[in-house]
N, C-alpha and C. Protein backbone atom coordinates (compact mmCIF):
# COMPACT_ATOMS: atom_id res chain seq x y z
N UNK A 1 118.42 153.30 131.67
CA UNK A 1 117.17 153.36 130.92
C UNK A 1 116.89 152.00 130.30
N UNK A 2 115.65 151.69 130.11
CA UNK A 2 115.30 150.43 129.49
C UNK A 2 114.55 150.69 128.20
N UNK A 3 114.77 149.87 127.17
CA UNK A 3 114.09 150.10 125.90
C UNK A 3 112.62 149.76 125.99
N UNK A 4 111.81 150.50 125.25
CA UNK A 4 110.39 150.19 125.19
C UNK A 4 109.80 150.82 123.94
N UNK A 5 108.71 150.27 123.51
CA UNK A 5 108.00 150.80 122.35
C UNK A 5 106.92 151.73 122.85
N UNK A 6 107.01 153.04 122.59
CA UNK A 6 106.02 153.97 123.12
C UNK A 6 104.63 153.72 122.58
N UNK A 7 104.52 153.10 121.42
CA UNK A 7 103.20 152.81 120.90
C UNK A 7 102.62 151.54 121.50
N UNK A 8 103.51 150.61 121.87
CA UNK A 8 103.03 149.40 122.54
C UNK A 8 102.49 149.77 123.91
N UNK A 9 103.16 150.74 124.55
CA UNK A 9 102.62 151.36 125.76
C UNK A 9 102.63 150.49 126.99
N UNK A 10 101.50 150.46 127.69
CA UNK A 10 101.41 149.90 129.02
C UNK A 10 101.44 148.38 129.05
N UNK A 11 101.87 147.87 130.20
CA UNK A 11 101.64 146.46 130.47
C UNK A 11 100.19 146.33 130.91
N UNK A 12 99.70 145.10 130.99
CA UNK A 12 98.31 144.91 131.40
C UNK A 12 98.06 145.48 132.78
N UNK A 13 99.02 145.29 133.71
CA UNK A 13 98.81 145.76 135.07
C UNK A 13 98.76 147.29 135.13
N UNK A 14 99.60 147.96 134.32
CA UNK A 14 99.57 149.41 134.29
C UNK A 14 98.24 149.92 133.74
N UNK A 15 97.73 149.22 132.73
CA UNK A 15 96.43 149.59 132.16
C UNK A 15 95.34 149.44 133.20
N UNK A 16 95.38 148.35 133.96
CA UNK A 16 94.38 148.14 135.01
C UNK A 16 94.48 149.21 136.08
N UNK A 17 95.71 149.56 136.46
CA UNK A 17 95.90 150.59 137.47
C UNK A 17 95.35 151.92 137.00
N UNK A 18 95.56 152.24 135.71
CA UNK A 18 95.05 153.50 135.17
C UNK A 18 93.53 153.55 135.27
N UNK A 19 92.88 152.45 134.89
CA UNK A 19 91.43 152.41 134.89
C UNK A 19 90.87 152.49 136.30
N UNK A 20 91.59 151.90 137.26
CA UNK A 20 91.13 151.89 138.64
C UNK A 20 91.54 153.14 139.40
N UNK A 21 92.45 153.91 138.81
CA UNK A 21 92.88 155.14 139.46
C UNK A 21 93.73 154.90 140.69
N UNK A 22 94.49 153.81 140.74
CA UNK A 22 95.31 153.51 141.90
C UNK A 22 96.46 154.48 142.03
N UNK A 23 96.88 154.68 143.28
CA UNK A 23 98.01 155.56 143.54
C UNK A 23 99.32 154.85 143.21
N UNK A 24 100.34 155.62 142.91
CA UNK A 24 101.65 155.05 142.69
C UNK A 24 102.20 154.50 144.01
N UNK A 25 102.98 153.46 143.91
CA UNK A 25 103.64 152.88 145.07
C UNK A 25 104.89 153.69 145.39
N UNK A 26 105.22 153.81 146.66
CA UNK A 26 106.39 154.59 147.05
C UNK A 26 107.67 154.02 146.46
N UNK A 27 107.75 152.69 146.29
CA UNK A 27 108.94 152.08 145.69
C UNK A 27 109.09 152.51 144.24
N UNK A 28 107.95 152.60 143.53
CA UNK A 28 108.00 153.02 142.13
C UNK A 28 108.42 154.49 142.03
N UNK A 29 107.92 155.31 142.94
CA UNK A 29 108.30 156.72 142.96
C UNK A 29 109.80 156.86 143.15
N UNK A 30 110.36 156.11 144.08
CA UNK A 30 111.79 156.19 144.35
C UNK A 30 112.61 155.72 143.15
N UNK A 31 112.13 154.69 142.47
CA UNK A 31 112.82 154.19 141.28
C UNK A 31 112.86 155.27 140.19
N UNK A 32 111.74 155.92 139.96
CA UNK A 32 111.68 156.98 138.95
C UNK A 32 112.53 158.17 139.37
N UNK A 33 112.52 158.48 140.65
CA UNK A 33 113.33 159.58 141.17
C UNK A 33 114.82 159.36 140.88
N UNK A 34 115.27 158.13 141.08
CA UNK A 34 116.68 157.79 140.82
C UNK A 34 117.00 157.87 139.33
N UNK A 35 116.05 157.46 138.49
CA UNK A 35 116.26 157.57 137.03
C UNK A 35 116.40 159.03 136.62
N UNK A 36 115.53 159.88 137.18
CA UNK A 36 115.58 161.30 136.86
C UNK A 36 116.92 161.91 137.28
N UNK A 37 117.41 161.49 138.44
CA UNK A 37 118.70 161.99 138.93
C UNK A 37 119.83 161.58 137.98
N UNK A 38 119.74 160.37 137.43
CA UNK A 38 120.77 159.92 136.48
C UNK A 38 120.72 160.75 135.19
N UNK A 39 119.52 161.13 134.77
CA UNK A 39 119.39 161.98 133.58
C UNK A 39 120.09 163.32 133.82
N UNK A 40 119.90 163.89 135.02
CA UNK A 40 120.54 165.16 135.34
C UNK A 40 122.06 165.03 135.34
N UNK A 41 122.55 163.93 135.89
CA UNK A 41 123.99 163.69 135.89
C UNK A 41 124.52 163.59 134.46
N UNK A 42 123.79 162.89 133.61
CA UNK A 42 124.20 162.73 132.22
C UNK A 42 124.27 164.08 131.51
N UNK A 43 123.39 164.99 131.89
CA UNK A 43 123.37 166.32 131.29
C UNK A 43 124.32 167.29 131.99
N UNK A 44 125.05 166.78 132.99
CA UNK A 44 126.01 167.59 133.76
C UNK A 44 125.31 168.74 134.47
N UNK A 45 124.11 168.46 134.97
CA UNK A 45 123.39 169.43 135.79
C UNK A 45 123.48 168.97 137.24
N UNK A 46 124.15 169.75 138.06
CA UNK A 46 124.38 169.38 139.45
C UNK A 46 123.28 169.91 140.35
N UNK A 47 122.73 169.03 141.16
CA UNK A 47 121.76 169.44 142.17
C UNK A 47 122.24 168.95 143.53
N UNK A 48 121.68 169.51 144.58
CA UNK A 48 122.11 169.15 145.93
C UNK A 48 121.55 167.78 146.33
N UNK A 49 122.11 167.21 147.37
CA UNK A 49 121.64 165.92 147.89
C UNK A 49 120.17 166.02 148.30
N UNK A 50 119.81 167.13 148.93
CA UNK A 50 118.42 167.33 149.34
C UNK A 50 117.49 167.38 148.13
N UNK A 51 117.91 168.11 147.10
CA UNK A 51 117.10 168.20 145.89
C UNK A 51 116.96 166.84 145.22
N UNK A 52 118.03 166.07 145.20
CA UNK A 52 118.01 164.75 144.57
C UNK A 52 117.05 163.82 145.29
N UNK A 53 117.02 163.91 146.60
CA UNK A 53 116.15 163.04 147.41
C UNK A 53 114.69 163.48 147.35
N UNK A 54 114.45 164.68 146.83
CA UNK A 54 113.08 165.21 146.82
C UNK A 54 112.58 165.58 145.43
N UNK A 55 113.17 164.96 144.41
CA UNK A 55 112.65 165.17 143.05
C UNK A 55 111.17 164.79 143.03
N UNK A 56 110.34 165.70 142.56
CA UNK A 56 108.90 165.40 142.51
C UNK A 56 108.61 164.47 141.34
N UNK A 57 107.86 163.43 141.60
CA UNK A 57 107.42 162.51 140.55
C UNK A 57 105.92 162.67 140.40
N UNK A 58 105.50 163.23 139.28
CA UNK A 58 104.08 163.51 139.05
C UNK A 58 103.54 162.57 137.97
N UNK A 59 102.59 161.74 138.34
CA UNK A 59 101.96 160.85 137.36
C UNK A 59 100.58 161.35 136.95
N UNK A 60 100.19 162.52 137.46
CA UNK A 60 98.93 163.18 137.11
C UNK A 60 97.70 162.31 137.43
N UNK A 61 97.87 161.41 138.41
CA UNK A 61 96.76 160.57 138.83
C UNK A 61 96.41 159.44 137.89
N UNK A 62 97.24 159.21 136.86
CA UNK A 62 96.95 158.18 135.86
C UNK A 62 97.70 156.87 136.13
N UNK A 63 98.71 156.92 136.98
CA UNK A 63 99.51 155.75 137.32
C UNK A 63 100.02 155.04 136.06
N UNK A 64 100.58 155.83 135.17
CA UNK A 64 101.17 155.30 133.93
C UNK A 64 102.42 156.13 133.64
N UNK A 65 103.31 156.16 134.62
CA UNK A 65 104.42 157.10 134.63
C UNK A 65 105.34 156.96 133.42
N UNK A 66 105.43 155.78 132.83
CA UNK A 66 106.31 155.62 131.67
C UNK A 66 105.79 156.37 130.45
N UNK A 67 104.49 156.53 130.36
CA UNK A 67 103.88 157.21 129.22
C UNK A 67 103.47 158.65 129.51
N UNK A 68 102.92 158.87 130.70
CA UNK A 68 102.42 160.20 131.06
C UNK A 68 102.96 160.58 132.44
N UNK A 69 103.68 161.68 132.50
CA UNK A 69 104.22 162.09 133.78
C UNK A 69 105.29 163.15 133.62
N UNK A 70 105.87 163.51 134.74
CA UNK A 70 106.89 164.55 134.75
C UNK A 70 107.65 164.46 136.06
N UNK A 71 108.97 164.69 135.99
CA UNK A 71 109.79 164.72 137.19
C UNK A 71 110.34 166.13 137.33
N UNK A 72 110.28 166.71 138.52
CA UNK A 72 110.60 168.13 138.68
C UNK A 72 111.55 168.39 139.84
N UNK A 73 112.46 169.34 139.62
CA UNK A 73 113.27 169.92 140.68
C UNK A 73 112.93 171.40 140.71
N UNK A 74 112.38 171.87 141.82
CA UNK A 74 112.01 173.28 141.94
C UNK A 74 113.12 174.00 142.71
N UNK A 75 113.81 174.91 142.03
CA UNK A 75 114.87 175.68 142.67
C UNK A 75 114.30 176.81 143.52
N UNK A 76 113.31 177.48 142.94
CA UNK A 76 112.71 178.63 143.62
C UNK A 76 111.32 178.88 143.08
N UNK A 77 110.38 179.18 143.97
CA UNK A 77 109.03 179.54 143.56
C UNK A 77 108.48 180.50 144.61
N UNK A 78 108.49 181.79 144.27
CA UNK A 78 108.02 182.79 145.22
C UNK A 78 106.94 183.67 144.56
N UNK A 79 106.61 184.76 145.19
CA UNK A 79 105.50 185.57 144.67
C UNK A 79 105.91 186.44 143.47
N UNK A 80 107.14 186.25 142.96
CA UNK A 80 107.59 187.03 141.80
C UNK A 80 108.04 186.14 140.64
N UNK A 81 108.72 185.04 140.94
CA UNK A 81 109.27 184.21 139.87
C UNK A 81 109.45 182.76 140.32
N UNK A 82 109.72 181.90 139.33
CA UNK A 82 109.89 180.47 139.58
C UNK A 82 110.96 179.92 138.64
N UNK A 83 111.76 178.97 139.14
CA UNK A 83 112.77 178.30 138.31
C UNK A 83 112.75 176.81 138.63
N UNK A 84 112.69 175.97 137.58
CA UNK A 84 112.59 174.52 137.75
C UNK A 84 113.41 173.80 136.69
N UNK A 85 113.71 172.54 136.98
CA UNK A 85 114.15 171.61 135.95
C UNK A 85 113.01 170.63 135.74
N UNK A 86 112.65 170.39 134.48
CA UNK A 86 111.64 169.39 134.13
C UNK A 86 112.37 168.22 133.48
N UNK A 87 112.26 167.04 134.09
CA UNK A 87 112.93 165.86 133.56
C UNK A 87 111.87 164.95 132.97
N UNK A 88 112.09 164.51 131.74
CA UNK A 88 111.15 163.64 131.04
C UNK A 88 111.83 162.33 130.68
N UNK A 89 111.20 161.22 131.01
CA UNK A 89 111.68 159.91 130.61
C UNK A 89 111.48 159.75 129.10
N UNK A 90 112.09 158.76 128.48
CA UNK A 90 111.90 158.56 127.03
C UNK A 90 110.42 158.50 126.64
N UNK A 91 110.03 159.39 125.75
CA UNK A 91 108.66 159.48 125.23
C UNK A 91 107.62 159.82 126.29
N UNK A 92 108.03 160.20 127.45
CA UNK A 92 107.08 160.60 128.49
C UNK A 92 106.43 161.93 128.09
N UNK A 93 105.12 162.03 128.35
CA UNK A 93 104.35 163.21 127.95
C UNK A 93 103.79 163.94 129.16
N UNK A 94 103.88 165.27 129.12
CA UNK A 94 103.14 166.10 130.07
C UNK A 94 101.86 166.53 129.36
N UNK A 95 100.69 166.17 129.91
CA UNK A 95 99.41 166.38 129.20
C UNK A 95 99.07 167.85 128.94
N UNK A 96 98.09 168.03 128.08
CA UNK A 96 97.67 169.37 127.67
C UNK A 96 97.04 170.14 128.84
N UNK A 97 97.48 171.39 128.99
CA UNK A 97 96.97 172.23 130.06
C UNK A 97 97.23 173.69 129.76
N UNK A 98 96.71 174.55 130.63
CA UNK A 98 96.97 175.98 130.53
C UNK A 98 97.06 176.55 131.95
N UNK A 99 97.69 177.72 132.05
CA UNK A 99 97.86 178.39 133.34
C UNK A 99 96.97 179.62 133.36
N UNK A 100 95.79 179.52 133.99
CA UNK A 100 94.80 180.60 133.92
C UNK A 100 95.14 181.77 134.83
N UNK A 101 94.38 182.85 134.66
CA UNK A 101 94.51 184.02 135.54
C UNK A 101 94.11 183.62 136.96
N UNK A 102 94.83 184.16 137.92
CA UNK A 102 94.52 183.91 139.33
C UNK A 102 94.44 185.24 140.07
N UNK A 103 93.26 185.56 140.57
CA UNK A 103 93.10 186.82 141.27
C UNK A 103 93.41 187.99 140.35
N UNK A 104 94.37 188.81 140.76
CA UNK A 104 94.74 189.98 139.97
C UNK A 104 95.85 189.68 138.97
N UNK A 105 96.39 188.46 138.98
CA UNK A 105 97.46 188.11 138.05
C UNK A 105 96.87 187.56 136.75
N UNK A 106 97.64 187.67 135.69
CA UNK A 106 97.16 187.21 134.37
C UNK A 106 97.44 185.72 134.15
N UNK A 107 98.12 185.09 135.10
CA UNK A 107 98.47 183.68 134.94
C UNK A 107 99.96 183.54 134.67
N UNK A 108 100.44 182.33 134.73
CA UNK A 108 101.88 182.09 134.60
C UNK A 108 102.36 182.22 133.16
N UNK A 109 103.40 183.02 132.96
CA UNK A 109 104.12 183.05 131.69
C UNK A 109 105.40 182.26 131.90
N UNK A 110 105.75 181.39 130.94
CA UNK A 110 106.91 180.54 131.14
C UNK A 110 107.76 180.41 129.89
N UNK A 111 109.05 180.25 130.13
CA UNK A 111 110.01 179.99 129.07
C UNK A 111 110.60 178.62 129.28
N UNK A 112 110.56 177.79 128.24
CA UNK A 112 111.19 176.47 128.26
C UNK A 112 112.53 176.57 127.52
N UNK A 113 113.59 176.09 128.14
CA UNK A 113 114.89 176.01 127.47
C UNK A 113 115.39 174.57 127.56
N UNK A 114 115.57 173.95 126.42
CA UNK A 114 116.02 172.56 126.39
C UNK A 114 117.49 172.49 126.79
N UNK A 115 117.79 171.61 127.74
CA UNK A 115 119.15 171.44 128.21
C UNK A 115 119.80 170.17 127.67
N UNK A 116 118.96 169.15 127.48
CA UNK A 116 119.49 167.84 127.07
C UNK A 116 118.37 167.05 126.41
N UNK A 117 118.71 166.25 125.39
CA UNK A 117 117.68 165.47 124.70
C UNK A 117 116.92 166.32 123.70
N UNK A 118 115.70 165.90 123.42
CA UNK A 118 114.85 166.59 122.45
C UNK A 118 113.43 166.62 122.98
N UNK A 119 112.79 167.76 122.81
CA UNK A 119 111.42 167.95 123.32
C UNK A 119 110.51 168.41 122.19
N UNK A 120 109.31 167.82 122.14
CA UNK A 120 108.30 168.22 121.17
C UNK A 120 107.23 168.98 121.95
N UNK A 121 107.19 170.29 121.71
CA UNK A 121 106.24 171.16 122.40
C UNK A 121 105.11 171.51 121.46
N UNK A 122 103.87 171.42 121.94
CA UNK A 122 102.70 171.69 121.12
C UNK A 122 101.90 172.84 121.72
N UNK A 123 101.59 173.82 120.88
CA UNK A 123 100.87 175.02 121.31
C UNK A 123 99.77 175.33 120.29
N UNK A 124 99.01 176.37 120.58
CA UNK A 124 97.95 176.80 119.68
C UNK A 124 98.56 177.34 118.38
N UNK A 125 97.87 177.10 117.28
CA UNK A 125 98.38 177.54 115.98
C UNK A 125 98.08 176.50 114.92
N UNK A 126 98.60 176.70 113.72
CA UNK A 126 98.36 175.76 112.63
C UNK A 126 98.92 174.39 112.97
N UNK A 127 98.11 173.34 112.87
CA UNK A 127 98.58 171.99 113.20
C UNK A 127 99.73 171.55 112.29
N UNK A 128 100.71 170.89 112.88
CA UNK A 128 101.82 170.34 112.12
C UNK A 128 101.35 169.06 111.43
N UNK A 129 101.52 168.92 110.11
CA UNK A 129 100.99 167.77 109.37
C UNK A 129 101.47 166.41 109.88
N UNK A 130 102.75 166.29 110.17
CA UNK A 130 103.31 165.02 110.64
C UNK A 130 104.09 165.23 111.93
N UNK A 131 103.37 165.35 113.06
CA UNK A 131 104.04 165.62 114.33
C UNK A 131 104.91 164.44 114.78
N UNK A 132 105.95 164.76 115.54
CA UNK A 132 106.89 163.74 116.01
C UNK A 132 106.38 162.99 117.24
N UNK A 133 105.40 163.53 117.93
CA UNK A 133 104.88 162.91 119.15
C UNK A 133 104.23 161.57 118.87
N UNK A 134 104.35 160.67 119.83
CA UNK A 134 103.71 159.35 119.74
C UNK A 134 103.12 159.02 121.10
N UNK A 135 101.88 158.57 121.10
CA UNK A 135 101.27 158.16 122.36
C UNK A 135 100.07 157.26 122.10
N UNK A 136 99.56 156.68 123.16
CA UNK A 136 98.41 155.79 123.05
C UNK A 136 97.15 156.58 122.68
N UNK A 137 96.22 155.96 121.95
CA UNK A 137 94.98 156.64 121.55
C UNK A 137 94.19 157.23 122.72
N UNK A 138 94.21 156.57 123.87
CA UNK A 138 93.41 157.06 125.01
C UNK A 138 93.93 158.41 125.52
N UNK A 139 95.19 158.73 125.25
CA UNK A 139 95.73 160.03 125.62
C UNK A 139 95.61 161.03 124.47
N UNK A 140 95.77 160.54 123.26
CA UNK A 140 95.69 161.42 122.08
C UNK A 140 94.34 162.12 122.00
N UNK A 141 93.28 161.44 122.42
CA UNK A 141 91.94 162.02 122.28
C UNK A 141 91.73 163.27 123.14
N UNK A 142 92.63 163.48 124.11
CA UNK A 142 92.51 164.65 124.98
C UNK A 142 93.47 165.77 124.57
N UNK A 143 94.06 165.66 123.38
CA UNK A 143 94.99 166.68 122.90
C UNK A 143 94.33 167.48 121.78
N UNK A 144 94.30 168.79 121.93
CA UNK A 144 93.58 169.63 120.97
C UNK A 144 94.49 170.60 120.21
N UNK A 145 95.72 170.83 120.69
CA UNK A 145 96.64 171.75 120.00
C UNK A 145 97.80 170.94 119.42
N UNK A 146 98.13 171.21 118.16
CA UNK A 146 99.10 170.38 117.44
C UNK A 146 100.12 171.20 116.65
N UNK A 147 100.33 172.46 117.02
CA UNK A 147 101.38 173.24 116.35
C UNK A 147 102.70 172.88 117.04
N UNK A 148 103.57 172.21 116.31
CA UNK A 148 104.77 171.61 116.90
C UNK A 148 105.97 172.54 116.88
N UNK A 149 106.65 172.58 118.02
CA UNK A 149 107.92 173.29 118.15
C UNK A 149 108.93 172.28 118.69
N UNK A 150 109.97 172.01 117.93
CA UNK A 150 111.00 171.06 118.35
C UNK A 150 112.11 171.82 119.06
N UNK A 151 112.37 171.42 120.30
CA UNK A 151 113.42 172.06 121.09
C UNK A 151 114.58 171.09 121.28
N UNK A 152 115.75 171.53 120.86
CA UNK A 152 116.98 170.78 121.07
C UNK A 152 117.86 171.59 122.01
N UNK A 153 118.94 171.00 122.56
CA UNK A 153 119.75 171.74 123.52
C UNK A 153 120.14 173.13 123.05
N UNK A 154 119.82 174.13 123.86
CA UNK A 154 120.09 175.53 123.52
C UNK A 154 118.91 176.25 122.94
N UNK A 155 117.86 175.52 122.54
CA UNK A 155 116.65 176.14 122.01
C UNK A 155 115.72 176.52 123.16
N UNK A 156 114.99 177.60 122.99
CA UNK A 156 114.00 177.96 124.00
C UNK A 156 112.76 178.59 123.36
N UNK A 157 111.67 178.55 124.13
CA UNK A 157 110.39 179.07 123.63
C UNK A 157 109.61 179.61 124.82
N UNK A 158 108.98 180.78 124.62
CA UNK A 158 108.20 181.41 125.68
C UNK A 158 106.71 181.36 125.36
N UNK A 159 105.93 180.95 126.37
CA UNK A 159 104.48 180.86 126.23
C UNK A 159 103.81 181.91 127.09
N UNK A 160 102.86 182.61 126.51
CA UNK A 160 102.11 183.61 127.25
C UNK A 160 101.12 182.93 128.20
N UNK A 161 100.64 183.66 129.22
CA UNK A 161 99.67 183.07 130.15
C UNK A 161 98.44 182.53 129.43
N UNK A 162 97.88 181.49 129.99
CA UNK A 162 96.62 180.89 129.53
C UNK A 162 96.73 180.26 128.14
N UNK A 163 97.94 179.91 127.72
CA UNK A 163 98.16 179.26 126.42
C UNK A 163 98.06 177.74 126.59
N UNK A 164 97.17 177.11 125.83
CA UNK A 164 97.10 175.65 125.87
C UNK A 164 98.41 175.08 125.31
N UNK A 165 98.95 174.08 126.02
CA UNK A 165 100.18 173.46 125.56
C UNK A 165 100.36 172.09 126.20
N UNK A 166 101.18 171.27 125.56
CA UNK A 166 101.60 169.99 126.10
C UNK A 166 102.94 169.66 125.46
N UNK A 167 103.64 168.69 126.02
CA UNK A 167 104.95 168.38 125.46
C UNK A 167 105.35 166.94 125.76
N UNK A 168 106.26 166.46 124.94
CA UNK A 168 106.73 165.08 125.05
C UNK A 168 108.22 165.03 124.75
N UNK A 169 108.93 164.14 125.46
CA UNK A 169 110.35 163.95 125.20
C UNK A 169 110.54 163.05 123.98
N UNK A 170 111.71 163.16 123.38
CA UNK A 170 112.08 162.26 122.30
C UNK A 170 112.47 160.89 122.86
N UNK A 171 113.06 160.08 122.01
CA UNK A 171 113.33 158.68 122.35
C UNK A 171 114.34 158.49 123.47
N UNK A 172 115.18 159.48 123.73
CA UNK A 172 116.20 159.36 124.78
C UNK A 172 115.81 160.04 126.08
N UNK A 173 114.65 160.71 126.10
CA UNK A 173 114.30 161.50 127.26
C UNK A 173 114.78 162.93 127.06
N UNK A 174 114.52 163.78 128.05
CA UNK A 174 114.90 165.19 127.90
C UNK A 174 114.92 165.90 129.25
N UNK A 175 115.62 167.01 129.27
CA UNK A 175 115.60 167.91 130.43
C UNK A 175 115.34 169.32 129.91
N UNK A 176 114.37 169.98 130.54
CA UNK A 176 114.00 171.34 130.17
C UNK A 176 114.09 172.23 131.41
N UNK A 177 114.77 173.35 131.28
CA UNK A 177 114.76 174.35 132.34
C UNK A 177 113.56 175.26 132.12
N UNK A 178 112.80 175.47 133.18
CA UNK A 178 111.63 176.35 133.10
C UNK A 178 111.88 177.59 133.91
N UNK A 179 111.70 178.75 133.28
CA UNK A 179 111.79 180.05 133.94
C UNK A 179 110.42 180.71 133.79
N UNK A 180 109.81 181.11 134.89
CA UNK A 180 108.44 181.60 134.77
C UNK A 180 108.11 182.59 135.88
N UNK A 181 106.92 183.17 135.74
CA UNK A 181 106.35 183.89 136.86
C UNK A 181 105.88 182.85 137.88
N UNK A 182 105.32 183.29 138.96
CA UNK A 182 104.96 182.37 140.05
C UNK A 182 104.16 181.17 139.56
N UNK A 183 104.56 180.00 140.04
CA UNK A 183 103.90 178.76 139.63
C UNK A 183 102.87 178.34 140.67
N UNK A 184 101.65 178.05 140.20
CA UNK A 184 100.58 177.54 141.06
C UNK A 184 100.00 176.32 140.37
N UNK A 185 100.79 175.23 140.37
CA UNK A 185 100.43 174.04 139.60
C UNK A 185 99.06 173.48 139.94
N UNK A 186 98.66 173.62 141.20
CA UNK A 186 97.37 173.08 141.61
C UNK A 186 96.20 173.79 140.95
N UNK A 187 96.45 174.95 140.34
CA UNK A 187 95.38 175.72 139.68
C UNK A 187 95.36 175.55 138.16
N UNK A 188 96.29 174.74 137.63
CA UNK A 188 96.33 174.52 136.19
C UNK A 188 95.03 173.88 135.71
N UNK A 189 94.65 174.20 134.48
CA UNK A 189 93.43 173.64 133.88
C UNK A 189 93.85 172.60 132.85
N UNK A 190 93.38 171.36 133.02
CA UNK A 190 93.78 170.24 132.18
C UNK A 190 92.65 169.86 131.22
N UNK A 191 93.01 169.53 130.00
CA UNK A 191 92.01 169.12 129.00
C UNK A 191 91.43 167.76 129.35
N UNK A 192 92.26 166.85 129.84
CA UNK A 192 91.82 165.51 130.24
C UNK A 192 91.19 165.61 131.63
N UNK A 193 89.90 165.30 131.77
CA UNK A 193 89.23 165.43 133.07
C UNK A 193 89.73 164.43 134.12
N UNK A 194 90.50 163.44 133.69
CA UNK A 194 91.02 162.44 134.63
C UNK A 194 92.29 162.89 135.34
N UNK A 195 92.87 164.01 134.91
CA UNK A 195 94.14 164.46 135.46
C UNK A 195 93.99 164.97 136.89
N UNK A 196 94.95 164.58 137.73
CA UNK A 196 95.09 165.13 139.07
C UNK A 196 96.53 165.60 139.20
N UNK A 197 96.73 166.91 139.30
CA UNK A 197 98.10 167.43 139.30
C UNK A 197 98.88 167.00 140.55
N UNK A 198 98.23 167.00 141.71
CA UNK A 198 98.92 166.62 142.93
C UNK A 198 98.78 165.11 143.10
N UNK A 199 99.90 164.36 142.97
CA UNK A 199 99.81 162.89 142.97
C UNK A 199 99.53 162.32 144.35
N UNK A 200 98.95 161.13 144.36
CA UNK A 200 98.78 160.39 145.61
C UNK A 200 99.71 159.19 145.57
N UNK A 201 100.36 158.90 146.69
CA UNK A 201 101.36 157.85 146.77
C UNK A 201 101.05 156.93 147.93
N UNK A 202 101.09 155.63 147.64
CA UNK A 202 100.88 154.64 148.68
C UNK A 202 102.22 154.24 149.28
């Protein structure tokens, strides 16, 4: 891991890429994938060689992976349930979203269980006066829920379907196990209109 100031944020080139909406480079994706794998090793979470080589790197179309993004290992996702590991780089944020009803289903219900590091989860409810999250103003303006739940290893929290939420790792990064009903990430509703859940890679 490399030190950085989460409030200082992007380099000039990253800022330009965000504004232009450029896709992530495959070399950058592979670099982040290897970092995520090291986080899993540090947490003593073993995954297969195939899973390690296919860790999903999601930058949500913003090309600012150090500040906004998520790395995922999907163990299982079928028509009844889903199980994933969510890996977050230091201070990396997953933007505000909700899982709406789809067809006859009420939408995804999910439980987050912190495995390593510290996670700041924000949901609907009374705003926390001094939240621990830190991010650039251009991302903060798209966040509307500020009721803070701090998850440390062994802590878990369950969100009902269609609940607005977002989350950010602490200064060392974090790993969260997600247990949920069927996941349909492409149908998630994002508060930030610039978000693209399915990333494009050059």
